[in-house]
Amino acid sequence: MANWNPWHGCRKTSPGCANCYVYRGDARRGLDASQVYRTKSYDLPLRQKRDGSWVIPPGEMVWTCVSSDFLLEDADEWRPWAWAMMRVRADLNFFFITKRICRLGDCLPPDWGEGYENVAICSTAENQERAGFRLPILKAAPIRHKSITCEPLLGPIDLSPWLGEDITQVVAGGESGPEARPCRYEWVLDIRRQCVEAGVPFLFKQTGAKLIKDGKLYHIPRRLQHSQARKAGINYRCQTFRPRQDGREWSVRHGEVFPQN
């Protein structure tokens, strides 16, 4: 698995952005995360070693724009080149999460068609209002591999109108950081219930820093937030494989989506 950040920095756009981890990290280094710039690793997918082999080997999952948003307005000038690199590296599987799924139609390359087979797109939905705005767009969008993340989960959400076979996975998790807003465990369980009923894989990714369970508020250190979520034992793996049009498969392992060679 590889990380590729062709640009860095973002602009807050919804309630889920209030305590953004990118802003926190940049602030610790005396930087302003609202200043967006193209990074030195912009062309990482095309870089080669001295022997001519790829720096990112074929078959890897590439987490894209972890420190920004791939559909960010400030990146409109650079995005066509990023799409081009994804086309060239059809042997890689690119994955990005966006809070700007509403911009997808204006940002797609001319040859997108029904989607690139090697690109998976995840839309965030941190509360019911954002779910109601973003997920109809995700549902209707020409994307081969779609998923939803409810992180940070800020309230109860009814996802049922948008769950179905076209959704690869739903992820839920609390908010990290010193200013984290509490996440209620019953919200997580209800999203899991909806996924089970719809036959969609579910992952409880992390508890967040403040988890309310059975009426008690738990303060959970950052280093334990992922492991405590795993210990809850509520991840739902409804099936092992999802078919791909190129003959490969998407494998759901340990609640995460990976390509099968």
Protein backbone atom coordinates (compact mmCIF):
# COMPACT_ATOMS: atom_id res chain seq x y z
CA MET A 1 0.00 0.00 0.00
CA ALA A 2 1.30 3.46 -0.90
CA ASN A 3 0.37 7.07 -0.14
CA TRP A 4 0.34 9.63 -2.93
CA ASN A 5 -0.25 13.29 -2.13
CA PRO A 6 0.02 15.20 -5.43
CA TRP A 7 -1.00 18.38 -3.58
CA HIS A 8 -1.23 19.41 0.05
CA GLY A 9 -3.58 21.67 1.97
CA CYS A 10 -7.33 22.10 1.89
CA ARG A 11 -10.20 24.45 2.69
CA LYS A 12 -12.81 23.59 5.29
CA THR A 13 -16.20 23.00 3.70
CA SER A 14 -18.55 21.27 6.18
CA PRO A 15 -19.01 20.37 9.89
CA GLY A 16 -16.74 17.36 9.55
CA CYS A 17 -13.83 19.69 8.77
CA ALA A 18 -13.96 21.62 12.05
CA ASN A 19 -11.12 19.69 13.72
CA CYS A 20 -9.28 18.55 10.58
CA TYR A 21 -6.19 16.43 11.28
CA VAL A 22 -4.32 18.08 8.39
CA TYR A 23 -4.86 21.52 9.96
CA ARG A 24 -3.73 20.17 13.35
CA GLY A 25 -0.61 18.62 11.90
CA ASP A 26 0.35 21.71 9.90
CA ALA A 27 -0.30 23.99 12.90
CA ARG A 28 2.19 21.99 14.97
CA ARG A 29 4.80 22.79 12.31
CA GLY A 30 3.83 26.45 12.11
CA LEU A 31 2.14 26.00 8.71
CA ASP A 32 -1.20 27.15 7.33
CA ALA A 33 -3.11 24.15 5.92
CA SER A 34 -5.44 26.41 3.95
CA GLN A 35 -2.52 27.22 1.62
CA VAL A 36 -2.72 24.64 -1.17
CA TYR A 37 0.38 23.71 -3.13
CA ARG A 38 1.58 21.01 -5.49
CA THR A 39 3.96 18.65 -3.71
CA LYS A 40 7.36 17.30 -4.69
CA SER A 41 5.82 13.81 -4.93
CA TYR A 42 3.30 14.99 -7.53
CA ASP A 43 4.59 12.51 -10.13
CA LEU A 44 5.17 9.61 -7.71
CA PRO A 45 3.15 7.02 -9.70
CA LEU A 46 5.46 7.53 -12.70
CA ARG A 47 8.76 7.46 -10.83
CA GLN A 48 11.15 4.63 -11.60
CA LYS A 49 14.13 3.10 -9.85
CA ARG A 50 17.57 2.89 -11.41
CA ASP A 51 16.78 -0.56 -12.77
CA GLY A 52 13.73 0.81 -14.59
CA SER A 53 11.13 -0.75 -12.27
CA TRP A 54 8.36 1.37 -10.77
CA VAL A 55 8.83 2.97 -7.36
CA ILE A 56 5.22 1.91 -6.67
CA PRO A 57 5.09 -1.69 -7.91
CA PRO A 58 2.15 -3.04 -9.93
CA GLY A 59 -0.84 -4.23 -7.95
CA GLU A 60 -0.47 -1.74 -5.09
CA MET A 61 -3.37 0.14 -3.54
CA VAL A 62 -2.56 3.88 -3.69
CA TRP A 63 -4.22 6.08 -1.08
CA THR A 64 -4.57 9.36 -2.91
CA CYS A 65 -4.71 12.92 -1.53
CA VAL A 66 -4.61 11.92 2.14
CA SER A 67 -3.54 15.47 3.04
CA SER A 68 -6.02 17.26 0.77
CA ASP A 69 -9.16 16.60 -1.29
CA PHE A 70 -8.73 15.29 -4.83
CA LEU A 71 -11.69 17.41 -6.03
CA LEU A 72 -10.53 20.60 -4.33
CA GLU A 73 -11.13 23.73 -6.42
CA ASP A 74 -7.56 24.92 -5.88
CA ALA A 75 -6.25 21.80 -7.62
CA ASP A 76 -8.24 22.16 -10.85
CA GLU A 77 -5.07 23.11 -12.76
CA TRP A 78 -3.17 19.99 -11.65
CA ARG A 79 -5.91 17.35 -11.65
CA PRO A 80 -5.85 16.53 -15.40
CA TRP A 81 -2.23 15.43 -15.02
CA ALA A 82 -3.17 13.31 -12.00
CA TRP A 83 -5.92 11.58 -14.00
CA ALA A 84 -3.39 11.00 -16.79
CA MET A 85 -1.01 9.29 -14.37
CA MET A 86 -3.85 7.05 -13.20
CA ARG A 87 -4.48 6.07 -16.82
CA VAL A 88 -0.81 5.30 -17.44
CA ARG A 89 -0.62 3.25 -14.23
CA ALA A 90 -3.63 1.06 -14.94
CA ASP A 91 -1.74 -1.62 -12.98
CA LEU A 92 -2.31 0.34 -9.73
CA ASN A 93 -5.54 0.82 -7.79
CA PHE A 94 -6.15 4.41 -6.73
CA PHE A 95 -8.49 5.29 -3.86
CA PHE A 96 -9.52 8.73 -2.64
CA ILE A 97 -12.00 10.14 -0.12
CA THR A 98 -13.79 13.39 -0.90
CA LYS A 99 -16.11 15.87 0.76
CA ARG A 100 -16.67 17.42 -2.67
CA ILE A 101 -18.46 14.67 -4.58
CA CYS A 102 -20.71 17.47 -5.89
CA ARG A 103 -17.76 18.64 -8.03
CA LEU A 104 -17.05 15.27 -9.61
CA GLY A 105 -18.99 15.96 -12.80
CA ASP A 106 -16.93 19.10 -13.44
CA CYS A 107 -13.63 17.38 -12.68
CA LEU A 108 -13.77 14.16 -14.71
CA PRO A 109 -11.42 13.51 -17.64
CA PRO A 110 -12.96 13.27 -21.16
CA ASP A 111 -12.44 9.50 -21.38
CA TRP A 112 -13.90 8.65 -17.96
CA GLY A 113 -17.03 6.99 -19.33
CA GLU A 114 -18.53 4.83 -16.57
CA GLY A 115 -15.35 5.20 -14.56
CA TYR A 116 -11.76 3.98 -14.58
CA GLU A 117 -11.59 0.37 -13.45
CA ASN A 118 -8.57 1.14 -11.24
CA VAL A 119 -10.11 4.11 -9.37
CA ALA A 120 -12.32 3.82 -6.28
CA ILE A 121 -14.03 6.91 -4.83
CA CYS A 122 -15.37 7.33 -1.30
CA SER A 123 -17.73 10.12 -0.23
CA THR A 124 -17.86 11.33 3.36
CA ALA A 125 -21.14 11.75 5.24
CA GLU A 126 -20.61 12.98 8.78
CA ASN A 127 -24.25 13.79 9.59
CA GLN A 128 -27.71 13.37 8.08
CA GLU A 129 -27.68 16.72 6.31
CA ARG A 130 -24.40 15.98 4.51
CA ALA A 131 -25.53 12.42 3.74
CA GLY A 132 -28.72 13.78 2.16
CA PHE A 133 -26.71 16.18 -0.01
CA ARG A 134 -23.73 14.05 -1.03
CA LEU A 135 -24.94 10.47 -1.26
CA PRO A 136 -27.59 10.94 -3.98
CA ILE A 137 -24.77 12.41 -6.07
CA LEU A 138 -22.48 9.48 -5.27
CA LYS A 139 -25.27 7.01 -6.04
CA ALA A 140 -25.91 8.53 -9.48
CA ALA A 141 -22.27 9.15 -10.39
CA PRO A 142 -20.45 7.02 -13.01
CA ILE A 143 -17.96 5.37 -10.64
CA ARG A 144 -16.89 1.72 -10.87
CA HIS A 145 -16.16 1.36 -7.15
CA LYS A 146 -18.02 3.49 -4.58
CA SER A 147 -17.85 3.59 -0.80
CA ILE A 148 -19.06 5.79 2.06
CA THR A 149 -17.23 6.95 5.18
CA CYS A 150 -19.04 8.39 8.19
CA GLU A 151 -15.97 9.94 9.79
CA PRO A 152 -16.08 11.83 12.00
CA LEU A 153 -19.53 10.50 12.88
CA LEU A 154 -21.33 13.51 14.39
CA GLY A 155 -24.86 12.17 14.76
CA PRO A 156 -27.25 9.38 13.81
CA ILE A 157 -27.49 8.81 10.06
CA ASP A 158 -30.00 6.90 7.95
CA LEU A 159 -27.97 5.64 4.98
CA SER A 160 -30.57 3.12 3.83
CA PRO A 161 -31.79 5.09 0.76
CA TRP A 162 -28.29 4.91 -0.75
CA LEU A 163 -27.07 1.44 0.19
CA GLY A 164 -26.96 -1.32 -2.39
CA GLU A 165 -24.75 -3.58 -4.46
CA ASP A 166 -22.94 -0.60 -5.98
CA ILE A 167 -21.58 0.42 -2.56
CA THR A 168 -18.40 -1.51 -1.82
CA GLN A 169 -18.15 -0.62 1.87
CA VAL A 170 -19.33 1.72 4.64
CA VAL A 171 -16.87 2.96 7.26
CA ALA A 172 -17.78 4.63 10.56
CA GLY A 173 -15.58 6.21 13.20
CA GLY A 174 -15.30 8.94 15.78
CA GLU A 175 -13.24 12.11 15.78
CA SER A 176 -9.65 12.29 16.98
CA GLY A 177 -7.75 15.18 18.52
CA PRO A 178 -8.00 17.29 21.69
CA GLU A 179 -11.14 19.12 20.50
CA ALA A 180 -12.93 15.95 19.37
CA ARG A 181 -16.70 15.87 19.48
CA PRO A 182 -18.21 12.77 21.14
CA CYS A 183 -19.36 9.82 19.06
CA ARG A 184 -22.19 7.65 20.41
CA TYR A 185 -21.79 3.92 20.06
CA GLU A 186 -25.49 3.49 19.25
CA TRP A 187 -24.97 5.62 16.12
CA VAL A 188 -22.26 3.20 14.98
CA LEU A 189 -24.40 0.14 15.74
CA ASP A 190 -27.33 1.56 13.81
CA ILE A 191 -25.21 2.15 10.72
CA ARG A 192 -23.94 -1.42 11.03
CA ARG A 193 -27.54 -2.66 11.20
CA GLN A 194 -28.38 -0.80 8.00
CA CYS A 195 -25.36 -2.33 6.26
CA VAL A 196 -26.25 -5.85 7.36
CA GLU A 197 -29.81 -5.42 6.09
CA ALA A 198 -28.52 -4.09 2.76
CA GLY A 199 -25.72 -6.66 2.42
CA VAL A 200 -22.96 -4.02 2.40
CA PRO A 201 -19.61 -4.57 4.20
CA PHE A 202 -19.18 -2.42 7.31
CA LEU A 203 -16.03 -1.31 9.15
CA PHE A 204 -15.89 0.35 12.56
CA LYS A 205 -12.55 1.98 11.88
CA GLN A 206 -11.86 3.90 15.08
CA THR A 207 -13.59 4.98 18.28
CA GLY A 208 -12.43 8.57 18.21
CA ALA A 209 -11.11 10.36 21.28
CA LYS A 210 -14.51 10.52 22.99
CA LEU A 211 -16.92 7.60 22.79
CA ILE A 212 -20.23 7.47 24.63
CA LYS A 213 -21.35 3.90 25.31
CA ASP A 214 -24.19 2.85 27.62
CA GLY A 215 -24.41 6.42 28.87
CA LYS A 216 -20.75 6.64 29.87
CA LEU A 217 -18.18 8.91 28.21
CA TYR A 218 -14.86 7.19 27.50
CA HIS A 219 -11.70 9.21 26.77
CA ILE A 220 -9.61 7.00 24.50
CA PRO A 221 -5.92 7.76 23.72
CA ARG A 222 -5.05 8.12 20.05
CA ARG A 223 -2.88 5.01 20.06
CA LEU A 224 -5.83 2.85 21.17
CA GLN A 225 -8.64 4.23 19.02
CA HIS A 226 -8.23 1.76 16.15
CA SER A 227 -7.54 -1.27 18.34
CA GLN A 228 -10.51 -0.57 20.60
CA ALA A 229 -12.76 -0.35 17.55
CA ARG A 230 -11.47 -3.75 16.37
CA LYS A 231 -12.09 -5.24 19.82
CA ALA A 232 -15.75 -4.28 19.54
CA GLY A 233 -16.02 -7.11 17.00
CA ILE A 234 -18.78 -5.49 14.95
CA ASN A 235 -17.16 -5.36 11.51
CA TYR A 236 -19.38 -7.00 8.92
CA ARG A 237 -17.89 -8.95 6.04
CA CYS A 238 -20.88 -10.02 4.03
CA GLN A 239 -18.88 -11.54 1.19
CA THR A 240 -15.32 -12.27 0.18
CA PHE A 241 -15.16 -11.02 -3.39
CA ARG A 242 -16.73 -8.42 -5.63
CA PRO A 243 -16.17 -8.90 -9.39
CA ARG A 244 -14.33 -6.40 -11.57
CA GLN A 245 -14.84 -5.91 -15.26
CA ASP A 246 -11.17 -6.50 -16.03
CA GLY A 247 -11.29 -10.02 -14.61
CA ARG A 248 -9.69 -9.12 -11.28
CA GLU A 249 -11.62 -8.95 -8.02
CA TRP A 250 -12.07 -6.60 -5.09
CA SER A 251 -11.46 -8.52 -1.89
CA VAL A 252 -12.99 -7.47 1.42
CA ARG A 253 -10.43 -8.49 4.03
CA HIS A 254 -10.55 -7.39 7.65
CA GLY A 255 -13.15 -4.79 6.76
CA GLU A 256 -10.86 -3.04 4.28
CA VAL A 257 -11.18 -3.16 0.50
CA PHE A 258 -8.14 -4.42 -1.41
CA PRO A 259 -7.63 -5.52 -5.02
CA GLN A 260 -6.89 -9.17 -5.70
CA ASN A 261 -4.16 -9.90 -8.24
